[in-house]
PDB file of N, CA and C in Angstrom:
ATOM      1  N   MET A   1      44.606  95.033  99.408  1.00  0.00           N
ATOM      2  CA  MET A   1      45.394  93.844  99.655  1.00  0.00           C
ATOM      3  C   MET A   1      44.462  92.670  99.923  1.00  0.00           C
ATOM      4  N   GLY A   2      44.760  91.586  99.314  1.00  0.00           N
ATOM      5  CA  GLY A   2      43.938  90.411  99.504  1.00  0.00           C
ATOM      6  C   GLY A   2      44.375  89.612 100.725  1.00  0.00           C
ATOM      7  N   PRO A   3      43.636  88.583 101.064  1.00  0.00           N
ATOM      8  CA  PRO A   3      43.954  87.782 102.254  1.00  0.00           C
ATOM      9  C   PRO A   3      45.273  87.012 102.126  1.00  0.00           C
ATOM     10  N   GLU A   4      45.775  86.844 100.926  1.00  0.00           N
ATOM     11  CA  GLU A   4      47.020  86.100 100.764  1.00  0.00           C
ATOM     12  C   GLU A   4      48.222  86.872 101.294  1.00  0.00           C
ATOM     13  N   HIS A   5      48.100  88.182 101.511  1.00  0.00           N
ATOM     14  CA  HIS A   5      49.221  88.994 101.979  1.00  0.00           C
ATOM     15  C   HIS A   5      49.216  89.212 103.486  1.00  0.00           C
ATOM     16  N   PHE A   6      48.146  88.852 104.184  1.00  0.00           N
ATOM     17  CA  PHE A   6      48.039  89.169 105.604  1.00  0.00           C
ATOM     18  C   PHE A   6      49.085  88.443 106.452  1.00  0.00           C
ATOM     19  N   GLY A   7      49.374  87.221 106.155  1.00  0.00           N
ATOM     20  CA  GLY A   7      50.312  86.462 106.977  1.00  0.00           C
ATOM     21  C   GLY A   7      51.773  86.743 106.648  1.00  0.00           C
ATOM     22  N   TRP A   8      52.060  87.334 105.522  1.00  0.00           N
ATOM     23  CA  TRP A   8      53.445  87.494 105.074  1.00  0.00           C
ATOM     24  C   TRP A   8      54.084  88.795 105.536  1.00  0.00           C
ATOM     25  N   GLY A   9      53.381  89.868 105.589  1.00  0.00           N
ATOM     26  CA  GLY A   9      53.975  91.151 105.939  1.00  0.00           C
ATOM     27  C   GLY A   9      55.019  91.510 104.891  1.00  0.00           C
ATOM     28  N   GLY A  10      56.264  91.769 105.306  1.00  0.00           N
ATOM     29  CA  GLY A  10      57.332  92.086 104.376  1.00  0.00           C
ATOM     30  C   GLY A  10      58.183  90.886 104.016  1.00  0.00           C
ATOM     31  N   TRP A  11      57.852  89.724 104.529  1.00  0.00           N
ATOM     32  CA  TRP A  11      58.674  88.533 104.318  1.00  0.00           C
ATOM     33  C   TRP A  11      58.596  87.971 102.905  1.00  0.00           C
ATOM     34  N   TRP A  12      57.695  88.446 102.090  1.00  0.00           N
ATOM     35  CA  TRP A  12      57.633  87.962 100.710  1.00  0.00           C
ATOM     36  C   TRP A  12      58.888  88.369  99.952  1.00  0.00           C
ATOM     37  N   LEU A  13      59.582  89.401 100.438  1.00  0.00           N
ATOM     38  CA  LEU A  13      60.776  89.898  99.782  1.00  0.00           C
ATOM     39  C   LEU A  13      61.980  88.974 100.012  1.00  0.00           C
ATOM     40  N   PHE A  14      61.995  88.258 101.127  1.00  0.00           N
ATOM     41  CA  PHE A  14      63.129  87.403 101.486  1.00  0.00           C
ATOM     42  C   PHE A  14      63.464  86.359 100.411  1.00  0.00           C
ATOM     43  N   PRO A  15      62.508  85.573  99.914  1.00  0.00           N
ATOM     44  CA  PRO A  15      62.871  84.581  98.885  1.00  0.00           C
ATOM     45  C   PRO A  15      63.271  85.203  97.551  1.00  0.00           C
ATOM     46  N   VAL A  16      62.993  86.463  97.343  1.00  0.00           N
ATOM     47  CA  VAL A  16      63.373  87.125  96.106  1.00  0.00           C
ATOM     48  C   VAL A  16      64.791  87.678  96.207  1.00  0.00           C
ATOM     49  N   VAL A  17      65.128  88.294  97.339  1.00  0.00           N
ATOM     50  CA  VAL A  17      66.407  88.979  97.507  1.00  0.00           C
ATOM     51  C   VAL A  17      67.517  88.031  97.950  1.00  0.00           C
ATOM     52  N   MET A  18      67.208  87.057  98.769  1.00  0.00           N
ATOM     53  CA  MET A  18      68.240  86.194  99.350  1.00  0.00           C
ATOM     54  C   MET A  18      69.065  85.435  98.310  1.00  0.00           C
ATOM     55  N   PRO A  19      68.509  84.870  97.263  1.00  0.00           N
ATOM     56  CA  PRO A  19      69.357  84.216  96.256  1.00  0.00           C
ATOM     57  C   PRO A  19      70.328  85.186  95.585  1.00  0.00           C
ATOM     58  N   ILE A  20      69.910  86.417  95.366  1.00  0.00           N
ATOM     59  CA  ILE A  20      70.792  87.417  94.769  1.00  0.00           C
ATOM     60  C   ILE A  20      71.946  87.721  95.718  1.00  0.00           C
ATOM     61  N   VAL A  21      71.655  87.896  96.993  1.00  0.00           N
ATOM     62  CA  VAL A  21      72.690  88.164  97.993  1.00  0.00           C
ATOM     63  C   VAL A  21      73.661  86.992  98.066  1.00  0.00           C
ATOM     64  N   MET A  22      73.147  85.776  98.028  1.00  0.00           N
ATOM     65  CA  MET A  22      74.010  84.593  98.115  1.00  0.00           C
ATOM     66  C   MET A  22      74.937  84.494  96.906  1.00  0.00           C
ATOM     67  N   VAL A  23      74.456  84.821  95.708  1.00  0.00           N
ATOM     68  CA  VAL A  23      75.286  84.778  94.507  1.00  0.00           C
ATOM     69  C   VAL A  23      76.389  85.831  94.590  1.00  0.00           C
ATOM     70  N   VAL A  24      76.079  87.022  95.075  1.00  0.00           N
ATOM     71  CA  VAL A  24      77.079  88.080  95.210  1.00  0.00           C
ATOM     72  C   VAL A  24      78.148  87.670  96.223  1.00  0.00           C
ATOM     73  N   VAL A  25      77.740  87.161  97.381  1.00  0.00           N
ATOM     74  CA  VAL A  25      78.699  86.730  98.409  1.00  0.00           C
ATOM     75  C   VAL A  25      79.562  85.590  97.881  1.00  0.00           C
ATOM     76  N   LEU A  26      78.973  84.646  97.180  1.00  0.00           N
ATOM     77  CA  LEU A  26      79.730  83.533  96.614  1.00  0.00           C
ATOM     78  C   LEU A  26      80.734  84.040  95.568  1.00  0.00           C
ATOM     79  N   GLY A  27      80.339  84.996  94.760  1.00  0.00           N
ATOM     80  CA  GLY A  27      81.250  85.571  93.768  1.00  0.00           C
ATOM     81  C   GLY A  27      82.433  86.257  94.421  1.00  0.00           C
ATOM     82  N   ILE A  28      82.192  87.010  95.489  1.00  0.00           N
ATOM     83  CA  ILE A  28      83.280  87.672  96.210  1.00  0.00           C
ATOM     84  C   ILE A  28      84.203  86.642  96.833  1.00  0.00           C
ATOM     85  N   LEU A  29      83.648  85.613  97.413  1.00  0.00           N
ATOM     86  CA  LEU A  29      84.452  84.548  98.017  1.00  0.00           C
ATOM     87  C   LEU A  29      85.315  83.839  96.973  1.00  0.00           C
ATOM     88  N   ILE A  30      84.755  83.536  95.820  1.00  0.00           N
ATOM     89  CA  ILE A  30      85.519  82.879  94.751  1.00  0.00           C
ATOM     90  C   ILE A  30      86.635  83.786  94.260  1.00  0.00           C
ATOM     91  N   TYR A  31      86.380  85.095  94.161  1.00  0.00           N
ATOM     92  CA  TYR A  31      87.432  86.020  93.737  1.00  0.00           C
ATOM     93  C   TYR A  31      88.595  86.021  94.722  1.00  0.00           C
ATOM     94  N   PHE A  32      88.303  86.093  96.021  1.00  0.00           N
ATOM     95  CA  PHE A  32      89.380  86.164  97.002  1.00  0.00           C
ATOM     96  C   PHE A  32      90.155  84.858  97.112  1.00  0.00           C
ATOM     97  N   VAL A  33      89.528  83.731  96.823  1.00  0.00           N
ATOM     98  CA  VAL A  33      90.243  82.456  96.909  1.00  0.00           C
ATOM     99  C   VAL A  33      91.004  82.155  95.624  1.00  0.00           C
ATOM    100  N   PHE A  34      90.369  82.313  94.469  1.00  0.00           N
ATOM    101  CA  PHE A  34      90.985  81.914  93.208  1.00  0.00           C
ATOM    102  C   PHE A  34      91.459  83.082  92.352  1.00  0.00           C
ATOM    103  N   GLY A  35      90.872  84.234  92.473  1.00  0.00           N
ATOM    104  CA  GLY A  35      91.197  85.368  91.622  1.00  0.00           C
ATOM    105  C   GLY A  35      92.561  85.957  91.898  1.00  0.00           C
ATOM    106  N   ARG A  36      93.098  85.750  93.074  1.00  0.00           N
ATOM    107  CA  ARG A  36      94.398  86.280  93.422  1.00  0.00           C
ATOM    108  C   ARG A  36      95.472  85.209  93.335  1.00  0.00           C
ATOM    109  N   GLY A  37      95.184  84.072  92.764  1.00  0.00           N
ATOM    110  CA  GLY A  37      96.188  83.040  92.573  1.00  0.00           C
ATOM    111  C   GLY A  37      96.328  82.092  93.747  1.00  0.00           C
ATOM    112  N   GLY A  38      95.410  82.096  94.656  1.00  0.00           N
ATOM    113  CA  GLY A  38      95.477  81.189  95.789  1.00  0.00           C
ATOM    114  C   GLY A  38      94.888  81.814  97.037  1.00  0.00           C
ATOM    115  N   PRO A  39      94.745  81.014  98.060  1.00  0.00           N
ATOM    116  CA  PRO A  39      94.140  81.514  99.297  1.00  0.00           C
ATOM    117  C   PRO A  39      95.139  82.304 100.133  1.00  0.00           C
ATOM    118  N   ARG A  40      95.333  83.567  99.797  1.00  0.00           N
ATOM    119  CA  ARG A  40      96.203  84.438 100.582  1.00  0.00           C
ATOM    120  C   ARG A  40      95.508  85.774 100.733  1.00  0.00           C
ATOM    121  N   PRO A  41      95.841  86.518 101.746  1.00  0.00           N
ATOM    122  CA  PRO A  41      95.148  87.788 101.959  1.00  0.00           C
ATOM    123  C   PRO A  41      95.439  88.792 100.857  1.00  0.00           C
ATOM    124  N   PRO A  42      94.497  89.684 100.570  1.00  0.00           N
ATOM    125  CA  PRO A  42      94.672  90.656  99.492  1.00  0.00           C
ATOM    126  C   PRO A  42      95.861  91.590  99.700  1.00  0.00           C
ATOM    127  N   TRP A  43      96.267  91.806 100.946  1.00  0.00           N
ATOM    128  CA  TRP A  43      97.376  92.721 101.202  1.00  0.00           C
ATOM    129  C   TRP A  43      98.728  92.044 101.019  1.00  0.00           C
ATOM    130  N   SER A  44      98.736  90.765 100.734  1.00  0.00           N
ATOM    131  CA  SER A  44      99.987  90.033 100.548  1.00  0.00           C
ATOM    132  C   SER A  44     100.390  90.089  99.086  1.00  0.00           C
ATOM    133  N   ASN A  45     101.463  90.826  98.778  1.00  0.00           N
ATOM    134  CA  ASN A  45     101.912  90.972  97.396  1.00  0.00           C
ATOM    135  C   ASN A  45     103.172  90.192  97.097  1.00  0.00           C
ATOM    136  N   ASP A  46     103.788  89.615  98.122  1.00  0.00           N
ATOM    137  CA  ASP A  46     105.034  88.891  97.872  1.00  0.00           C
ATOM    138  C   ASP A  46     104.738  87.440  97.530  1.00  0.00           C
ATOM    139  N   PHE A  47     105.498  86.886  96.605  1.00  0.00           N
ATOM    140  CA  PHE A  47     105.250  85.540  96.123  1.00  0.00           C
ATOM    141  C   PHE A  47     106.199  84.522  96.720  1.00  0.00           C
ATOM    142  N   ASP A  48     107.348  84.958  97.205  1.00  0.00           N
ATOM    143  CA  ASP A  48     108.320  84.014  97.737  1.00  0.00           C
ATOM    144  C   ASP A  48     108.471  84.131  99.249  1.00  0.00           C
ATOM    145  N   GLY A  49     107.594  84.880  99.898  1.00  0.00           N
ATOM    146  CA  GLY A  49     107.647  85.019 101.335  1.00  0.00           C
ATOM    147  C   GLY A  49     108.540  86.149 101.798  1.00  0.00           C
ATOM    148  N   SER A  50     109.311  86.742 100.889  1.00  0.00           N
ATOM    149  CA  SER A  50     110.171  87.851 101.273  1.00  0.00           C
ATOM    150  C   SER A  50     109.393  89.148 101.167  1.00  0.00           C
ATOM    151  N   SER A  51     109.971  90.186 101.681  1.00  0.00           N
ATOM    152  CA  SER A  51     109.321  91.488 101.654  1.00  0.00           C
ATOM    153  C   SER A  51     109.296  92.036 100.236  1.00  0.00           C
ATOM    154  N   SER A  52     108.227  92.743  99.894  1.00  0.00           N
ATOM    155  CA  SER A  52     108.128  93.319  98.558  1.00  0.00           C
ATOM    156  C   SER A  52     108.954  94.590  98.440  1.00  0.00           C
ATOM    157  N   HIS A  53     109.531  95.070  99.545  1.00  0.00           N
ATOM    158  CA  HIS A  53     110.320  96.294  99.509  1.00  0.00           C
ATOM    159  C   HIS A  53     111.726  96.057  98.985  1.00  0.00           C
ATOM    160  N   HIS A  54     112.140  94.807  98.851  1.00  0.00           N
ATOM    161  CA  HIS A  54     113.508  94.545  98.428  1.00  0.00           C
ATOM    162  C   HIS A  54     113.733  95.004  96.989  1.00  0.00           C
ATOM    163  N   LYS A  55     112.688  95.045  96.162  1.00  0.00           N
ATOM    164  CA  LYS A  55     112.837  95.549  94.794  1.00  0.00           C
ATOM    165  C   LYS A  55     113.137  97.050  94.800  1.00  0.00           C
ATOM    166  N   ASP A  56     112.537  97.765  95.744  1.00  0.00           N
ATOM    167  CA  ASP A  56     112.709  99.203  95.815  1.00  0.00           C
ATOM    168  C   ASP A  56     114.072  99.589  96.380  1.00  0.00           C
ATOM    169  N   SER A  57     114.706  98.692  97.123  1.00  0.00           N
ATOM    170  CA  SER A  57     115.961  99.031  97.777  1.00  0.00           C
ATOM    171  C   SER A  57     117.168  98.733  96.895  1.00  0.00           C
ATOM    172  N   GLU A  58     116.940  98.466  95.631  1.00  0.00           N
ATOM    173  CA  GLU A  58     118.026  98.189  94.704  1.00  0.00           C
ATOM    174  C   GLU A  58     118.828  99.465  94.474  1.00  0.00           C
ATOM    175  N   SER A  59     120.134  99.357  94.594  1.00  0.00           N
ATOM    176  CA  SER A  59     120.970 100.556  94.461  1.00  0.00           C
ATOM    177  C   SER A  59     121.077 100.973  92.991  1.00  0.00           C
ATOM    178  N   ALA A  60     121.508 102.220  92.810  1.00  0.00           N
ATOM    179  CA  ALA A  60     121.673 102.761  91.460  1.00  0.00           C
ATOM    180  C   ALA A  60     122.750 101.995  90.698  1.00  0.00           C
ATOM    181  N   MET A  61     123.792 101.570  91.403  1.00  0.00           N
ATOM    182  CA  MET A  61     124.869 100.826  90.751  1.00  0.00           C
ATOM    183  C   MET A  61     124.369  99.463  90.255  1.00  0.00           C
ATOM    184  N   GLU A  62     123.519  98.808  91.043  1.00  0.00           N
ATOM    185  CA  GLU A  62     122.967  97.512  90.615  1.00  0.00           C
ATOM    186  C   GLU A  62     122.089  97.687  89.376  1.00  0.00           C
ATOM    187  N   ILE A  63     121.304  98.743  89.374  1.00  0.00           N
ATOM    188  CA  ILE A  63     120.452  99.021  88.213  1.00  0.00           C
ATOM    189  C   ILE A  63     121.316  99.289  86.980  1.00  0.00           C
ATOM    190  N   LEU A  64     122.382 100.054  87.176  1.00  0.00           N
ATOM    191  CA  LEU A  64     123.297 100.361  86.075  1.00  0.00           C
ATOM    192  C   LEU A  64     123.928  99.095  85.514  1.00  0.00           C
ATOM    193  N   LYS A  65     124.365  98.215  86.398  1.00  0.00           N
ATOM    194  CA  LYS A  65     124.984  96.965  85.951  1.00  0.00           C
ATOM    195  C   LYS A  65     123.993  96.097  85.182  1.00  0.00           C
ATOM    196  N   LYS A  66     122.754  96.070  85.640  1.00  0.00           N
ATOM    197  CA  LYS A  66     121.729  95.282  84.936  1.00  0.00           C
ATOM    198  C   LYS A  66     121.430  95.864  83.558  1.00  0.00           C
ATOM    199  N   ARG A  67     121.369  97.183  83.462  1.00  0.00           N
ATOM    200  CA  ARG A  67     121.114  97.818  82.168  1.00  0.00           C
ATOM    201  C   ARG A  67     122.247  97.516  81.190  1.00  0.00           C
ATOM    202  N   TYR A  68     123.473  97.533  81.692  1.00  0.00           N
ATOM    203  CA  TYR A  68     124.621  97.224  80.842  1.00  0.00           C
ATOM    204  C   TYR A  68     124.592  95.756  80.414  1.00  0.00           C
ATOM    205  N   ALA A  69     124.251  94.887  81.350  1.00  0.00           N
ATOM    206  CA  ALA A  69     124.192  93.456  81.037  1.00  0.00           C
ATOM    207  C   ALA A  69     123.107  93.148  80.001  1.00  0.00           C
ATOM    208  N   ARG A  70     122.009  93.884  80.032  1.00  0.00           N
ATOM    209  CA  ARG A  70     120.935  93.669  79.058  1.00  0.00           C
ATOM    210  C   ARG A  70     121.232  94.321  77.715  1.00  0.00           C
ATOM    211  N   GLY A  71     122.290  95.115  77.672  1.00  0.00           N
ATOM    212  CA  GLY A  71     122.644  95.759  76.417  1.00  0.00           C
ATOM    213  C   GLY A  71     121.909  97.052  76.151  1.00  0.00           C
ATOM    214  N   GLU A  72     121.302  97.625  77.175  1.00  0.00           N
ATOM    215  CA  GLU A  72     120.562  98.873  76.994  1.00  0.00           C
ATOM    216  C   GLU A  72     121.499 100.062  76.838  1.00  0.00           C
ATOM    217  N   ILE A  73     122.697  99.977  77.400  1.00  0.00           N
ATOM    218  CA  ILE A  73     123.667 101.075  77.302  1.00  0.00           C
ATOM    219  C   ILE A  73     125.007 100.519  76.839  1.00  0.00           C
ATOM    220  N   THR A  74     125.804 101.380  76.251  1.00  0.00           N
ATOM    221  CA  THR A  74     127.120 100.961  75.755  1.00  0.00           C
ATOM    222  C   THR A  74     128.138 100.995  76.886  1.00  0.00           C
ATOM    223  N   ARG A  75     129.326 100.482  76.603  1.00  0.00           N
ATOM    224  CA  ARG A  75     130.421 100.478  77.591  1.00  0.00           C
ATOM    225  C   ARG A  75     130.794 101.906  77.992  1.00  0.00           C
ATOM    226  N   GLU A  76     130.836 102.812  77.037  1.00  0.00           N
ATOM    227  CA  GLU A  76     131.183 104.203  77.324  1.00  0.00           C
ATOM    228  C   GLU A  76     130.136 104.850  78.229  1.00  0.00           C
ATOM    229  N   GLU A  77     128.865 104.613  77.914  1.00  0.00           N
ATOM    230  CA  GLU A  77     127.794 105.167  78.757  1.00  0.00           C
ATOM    231  C   GLU A  77     127.862 104.586  80.162  1.00  0.00           C
ATOM    232  N   PHE A  78     128.145 103.287  80.238  1.00  0.00           N
ATOM    233  CA  PHE A  78     128.267 102.630  81.537  1.00  0.00           C
ATOM    234  C   PHE A  78     129.363 103.278  82.374  1.00  0.00           C
ATOM    235  N   GLU A  79     130.534 103.456  81.784  1.00  0.00           N
ATOM    236  CA  GLU A  79     131.664 104.041  82.509  1.00  0.00           C
ATOM    237  C   GLU A  79     131.368 105.486  82.928  1.00  0.00           C
ATOM    238  N   GLU A  80     130.720 106.249  82.069  1.00  0.00           N
ATOM    239  CA  GLU A  80     130.407 107.634  82.371  1.00  0.00           C
ATOM    240  C   GLU A  80     129.423 107.729  83.527  1.00  0.00           C
ATOM    241  N   ILE A  81     128.376 106.931  83.469  1.00  0.00           N
ATOM    242  CA  ILE A  81     127.360 106.959  84.539  1.00  0.00           C
ATOM    243  C   ILE A  81     127.967 106.430  85.839  1.00  0.00           C
ATOM    244  N   LYS A  82     128.790 105.395  85.739  1.00  0.00           N
ATOM    245  CA  LYS A  82     129.450 104.840  86.916  1.00  0.00           C
ATOM    246  C   LYS A  82     130.321 105.896  87.595  1.00  0.00           C
ATOM    247  N   LYS A  83     131.039 106.668  86.797  1.00  0.00           N
ATOM    248  CA  LYS A  83     131.890 107.737  87.324  1.00  0.00           C
ATOM    249  C   LYS A  83     131.027 108.788  88.044  1.00  0.00           C
ATOM    250  N   ASP A  84     129.884 109.127  87.439  1.00  0.00           N
ATOM    251  CA  ASP A  84     128.972 110.110  88.053  1.00  0.00           C
ATOM    252  C   ASP A  84     128.421 109.590  89.383  1.00  0.00           C
ATOM    253  N   LEU A  85     128.084 108.307  89.425  1.00  0.00           N
ATOM    254  CA  LEU A  85     127.516 107.742  90.654  1.00  0.00           C
ATOM    255  C   LEU A  85     128.542 107.666  91.785  1.00  0.00           C
ATOM    256  N   GLN A  86     129.774 107.393  91.438  1.00  0.00           N
ATOM    257  CA  GLN A  86     130.803 107.253  92.458  1.00  0.00           C
ATOM    258  C   GLN A  86     131.302 108.591  92.976  1.00  0.00           C
ATOM    259  N   SER A  87     131.058 109.660  92.266  1.00  0.00           N
ATOM    260  CA  SER A  87     131.543 110.974  92.727  1.00  0.00           C
ATOM    261  C   SER A  87     130.528 111.674  93.603  1.00  0.00           C
TER     262      SER A  87
END
């Protein structure tokens, strides 16, 4: 080792590693602010402030009515399934 290394010890590594660490931290920060559509916590999945569980609590009859309204099932199928659900 030459005399140029005596005063530095392991500190020569700091100017090499620190810019890389700063770029990684900045990238993570940009993802959390802009990558999720705005500054909100990652655990927040609701967009209108209501609970995200309301989609799961939809009854079978509501789903049936929506399928019929979209034309996915015929009137006969609707009536048959409705009869099964009510019994």
